[in-house]
Amino acid sequence: MRMAEYHFVSIWQIKAPIEQVWEEIYHAERWPSWWKDVARVEELEPGAADGVGRLARLHFRTRLPYTLAFEARLTSVEPPSKLVAEASGELQGTGCWTLTSVDDGTLVRYTWDVRTTRWWMNLLAPAARPAFKWNHDQLMREGGESLARRLGADLIVPDTPSPAHPPQVVARRVIQGAALVILAVLVWRRGFSSRRV
């Protein structure tokens, strides 16, 4: 089954110095202490002195009834402005944090080009893609709000996020997707049974 691909861009503007924002984003092991959607972070390999090569396993809770876990290896570290990591596991792809000093603090841009590897997510993708996007947007919005609280700073969201999907719409799309999965499994089982006869 072909993996579903996603391109997400999240933007936070935090009224705090870039060095403070960098410290919290760079130290992913601290995320569970301030970002409630991060259940835990396990360091698997320390990497070089500058952080390149560091490998961690991240466990995320989501607004929808599933969790995600994946490994992230830092491939580029340019303090205090850029972090790039390659993801593998339940998600595969590249994440890039870019921090820029602005008059009112720090502009944070996170770009996430990722593919899902769970079979059910790929099967549901045609119907549930908007729900998965909404889920990601909610997780990242909460991350920005939590980071601002941790730093005792105000959060400004400079651009308008994609239209929010209320929980009822998300639930409807997930149910539609689940129905497609059940139908596909029934069709597959029927075809498999008829071949055995």
Protein backbone atom coordinates (compact mmCIF):
# COMPACT_ATOMS: atom_id res chain seq x y z
CA MET A 1 0.00 0.00 0.00
CA ARG A 2 1.28 3.44 -0.95
CA MET A 3 2.17 5.75 1.93
CA ALA A 4 0.16 8.98 2.26
CA GLU A 5 2.28 12.14 2.10
CA TYR A 6 1.70 15.37 4.01
CA HIS A 7 3.25 18.84 3.98
CA PHE A 8 2.62 20.89 7.11
CA VAL A 9 3.83 24.38 7.99
CA SER A 10 3.35 25.79 11.49
CA ILE A 11 4.28 29.31 12.55
CA TRP A 12 4.66 30.71 16.06
CA GLN A 13 5.76 34.20 17.00
CA ILE A 14 6.84 34.36 20.62
CA LYS A 15 7.76 37.53 22.49
CA ALA A 16 10.98 36.05 23.84
CA PRO A 17 14.65 36.21 22.78
CA ILE A 18 15.72 33.73 20.12
CA GLU A 19 18.28 32.11 22.46
CA GLN A 20 15.56 31.19 24.99
CA VAL A 21 13.25 29.80 22.32
CA TRP A 22 16.13 27.84 20.78
CA GLU A 23 17.06 26.25 24.14
CA GLU A 24 13.58 24.81 24.61
CA ILE A 25 13.14 23.57 21.03
CA TYR A 26 16.66 22.13 20.76
CA HIS A 27 16.32 20.15 24.01
CA ALA A 28 13.56 17.79 22.92
CA GLU A 29 14.02 15.78 26.11
CA ARG A 30 12.38 18.75 27.93
CA TRP A 31 9.28 18.80 25.73
CA PRO A 32 7.15 16.53 27.97
CA SER A 33 7.59 19.01 30.84
CA TRP A 34 5.86 21.82 28.93
CA TRP A 35 4.15 20.35 25.83
CA LYS A 36 1.25 18.22 27.04
CA ASP A 37 0.88 16.37 23.73
CA VAL A 38 4.40 14.94 24.06
CA ALA A 39 4.04 11.86 26.25
CA ARG A 40 7.76 11.09 26.43
CA VAL A 41 11.09 11.46 24.67
CA GLU A 42 13.77 8.78 24.90
CA GLU A 43 17.35 9.49 23.85
CA LEU A 44 18.66 6.51 21.88
CA GLU A 45 22.04 7.88 20.72
CA PRO A 46 23.79 11.06 21.92
CA GLY A 47 25.28 12.16 18.59
CA ALA A 48 28.25 14.50 18.21
CA ALA A 49 29.13 17.39 20.53
CA ASP A 50 27.11 19.80 18.37
CA GLY A 51 24.07 17.49 18.46
CA VAL A 52 24.29 16.23 14.89
CA GLY A 53 23.46 12.54 14.82
CA ARG A 54 21.51 12.60 18.08
CA LEU A 55 18.69 10.07 17.87
CA ALA A 56 15.55 10.22 20.00
CA ARG A 57 12.25 8.38 20.07
CA LEU A 58 9.26 10.72 20.47
CA HIS A 59 5.81 9.68 21.64
CA PHE A 60 2.91 12.04 20.86
CA ARG A 61 -0.68 12.04 22.07
CA THR A 62 -3.21 13.44 19.60
CA ARG A 63 -6.72 14.90 19.66
CA LEU A 64 -7.93 11.88 17.70
CA PRO A 65 -7.99 8.45 19.37
CA TYR A 66 -4.47 7.33 18.47
CA THR A 67 -0.87 7.99 19.47
CA LEU A 68 2.21 8.33 17.30
CA ALA A 69 5.78 7.25 17.98
CA PHE A 70 8.76 7.77 15.71
CA GLU A 71 12.52 8.21 15.81
CA ALA A 72 14.09 11.55 14.91
CA ARG A 73 17.79 11.94 14.07
CA LEU A 74 19.28 15.44 13.95
CA THR A 75 21.01 15.97 10.62
CA SER A 76 21.72 19.70 10.84
CA VAL A 77 22.19 22.00 13.85
CA GLU A 78 22.81 25.74 13.32
CA PRO A 79 22.27 27.52 16.68
CA PRO A 80 20.17 29.50 17.28
CA SER A 81 18.41 29.47 13.93
CA LYS A 82 17.95 26.03 12.37
CA LEU A 83 17.38 22.38 13.29
CA VAL A 84 16.73 19.61 10.78
CA ALA A 85 15.80 16.03 11.65
CA GLU A 86 15.00 12.88 9.70
CA ALA A 87 12.08 10.84 11.02
CA SER A 88 11.56 7.10 10.76
CA GLY A 89 9.09 4.65 12.22
CA GLU A 90 5.34 5.36 12.22
CA LEU A 91 6.17 8.59 10.40
CA GLN A 92 8.93 9.02 7.83
CA GLY A 93 10.22 12.30 6.50
CA THR A 94 11.96 15.54 7.39
CA GLY A 95 11.21 18.16 10.00
CA CYS A 96 12.85 21.59 9.97
CA TRP A 97 12.71 24.23 12.71
CA THR A 98 13.72 27.73 11.55
CA LEU A 99 14.02 30.54 14.12
CA THR A 100 14.38 34.21 13.19
CA SER A 101 14.81 37.23 15.47
CA VAL A 102 12.10 39.82 14.87
CA ASP A 103 11.34 43.14 16.56
CA ASP A 104 8.80 41.53 18.79
CA GLY A 105 10.76 38.40 19.77
CA THR A 106 11.23 35.21 17.77
CA LEU A 107 9.48 33.91 14.68
CA VAL A 108 9.41 30.10 14.65
CA ARG A 109 8.58 28.18 11.48
CA TYR A 110 8.25 24.39 11.53
CA THR A 111 8.04 22.54 8.23
CA TRP A 112 7.08 18.85 8.37
CA ASP A 113 7.23 16.80 5.15
CA VAL A 114 6.13 13.37 6.24
CA ARG A 115 4.66 10.06 5.14
CA THR A 116 2.55 7.77 7.31
CA THR A 117 3.58 4.12 7.57
CA ARG A 118 0.63 2.71 9.53
CA TRP A 119 -1.52 0.72 7.10
CA TRP A 120 -4.80 2.00 8.50
CA MET A 121 -3.73 5.65 8.21
CA ASN A 122 -2.78 5.12 4.57
CA LEU A 123 -6.05 3.33 3.89
CA LEU A 124 -8.05 6.11 5.58
CA ALA A 125 -6.05 8.96 4.01
CA PRO A 126 -8.46 9.74 1.13
CA ALA A 127 -11.36 10.36 3.54
CA ALA A 128 -9.53 11.32 6.72
CA ARG A 129 -6.78 13.63 5.35
CA PRO A 130 -8.58 16.78 6.58
CA ALA A 131 -8.98 15.20 10.02
CA PHE A 132 -5.27 14.30 10.16
CA LYS A 133 -4.39 17.87 9.15
CA TRP A 134 -6.71 19.30 11.81
CA ASN A 135 -5.12 16.97 14.36
CA HIS A 136 -1.61 18.15 13.45
CA ASP A 137 -2.65 21.82 13.53
CA GLN A 138 -4.16 21.40 17.01
CA LEU A 139 -1.05 19.67 18.33
CA MET A 140 1.23 22.40 16.99
CA ARG A 141 -1.01 25.24 18.19
CA GLU A 142 -0.93 23.75 21.68
CA GLY A 143 2.87 23.45 21.42
CA GLY A 144 3.23 27.15 20.62
CA GLU A 145 0.91 28.17 23.44
CA SER A 146 2.74 25.89 25.89
CA LEU A 147 6.17 27.18 24.90
CA ALA A 148 5.03 30.77 25.34
CA ARG A 149 3.69 29.91 28.82
CA ARG A 150 6.95 28.19 29.74
CA LEU A 151 8.91 31.28 28.74
CA GLY A 152 6.42 33.66 30.39
CA ALA A 153 5.92 35.32 27.02
CA ASP A 154 3.04 36.25 24.74
CA LEU A 155 2.31 34.18 21.64
CA ILE A 156 1.39 35.88 18.39
CA VAL A 157 0.26 33.77 15.46
CA PRO A 158 1.15 35.97 12.46
CA ASP A 159 -0.69 34.04 9.79
CA THR A 160 -4.14 32.49 9.74
CA PRO A 161 -4.06 28.71 9.99
CA SER A 162 -6.05 26.58 7.60
CA PRO A 163 -9.77 26.51 8.40
CA ALA A 164 -10.34 24.55 11.56
CA HIS A 165 -12.40 21.41 11.38
CA PRO A 166 -14.66 21.21 14.43
CA PRO A 167 -14.57 17.91 16.35
CA GLN A 168 -17.94 16.84 14.85
CA VAL A 169 -16.54 17.14 11.31
CA VAL A 170 -13.37 15.31 12.31
CA ALA A 171 -15.38 12.53 13.95
CA ARG A 172 -17.60 12.18 10.86
CA ARG A 173 -14.58 11.92 8.55
CA VAL A 174 -12.90 9.36 10.79
CA ILE A 175 -16.09 7.27 10.93
CA GLN A 176 -16.37 7.46 7.15
CA GLY A 177 -12.77 6.34 6.87
CA ALA A 178 -13.30 3.50 9.35
CA ALA A 179 -16.29 2.34 7.31
CA LEU A 180 -14.04 2.24 4.22
CA VAL A 181 -11.50 0.14 6.12
CA ILE A 182 -14.15 -2.33 7.29
CA LEU A 183 -15.57 -2.56 3.76
CA ALA A 184 -12.09 -3.15 2.29
CA VAL A 185 -11.33 -5.87 4.86
CA LEU A 186 -14.68 -7.60 4.18
CA VAL A 187 -14.11 -7.51 0.42
CA TRP A 188 -10.56 -8.81 0.85
CA ARG A 189 -11.68 -11.63 3.19
CA ARG A 190 -14.49 -12.64 0.84
CA GLY A 191 -12.09 -12.74 -2.10
CA PHE A 192 -9.54 -14.69 -0.05
CA SER A 193 -12.20 -17.21 1.10
CA SER A 194 -13.51 -17.75 -2.42
CA ARG A 195 -9.96 -18.46 -3.68
CA ARG A 196 -9.49 -21.13 -0.99
CA VAL A 197 -12.64 -23.05 -2.02
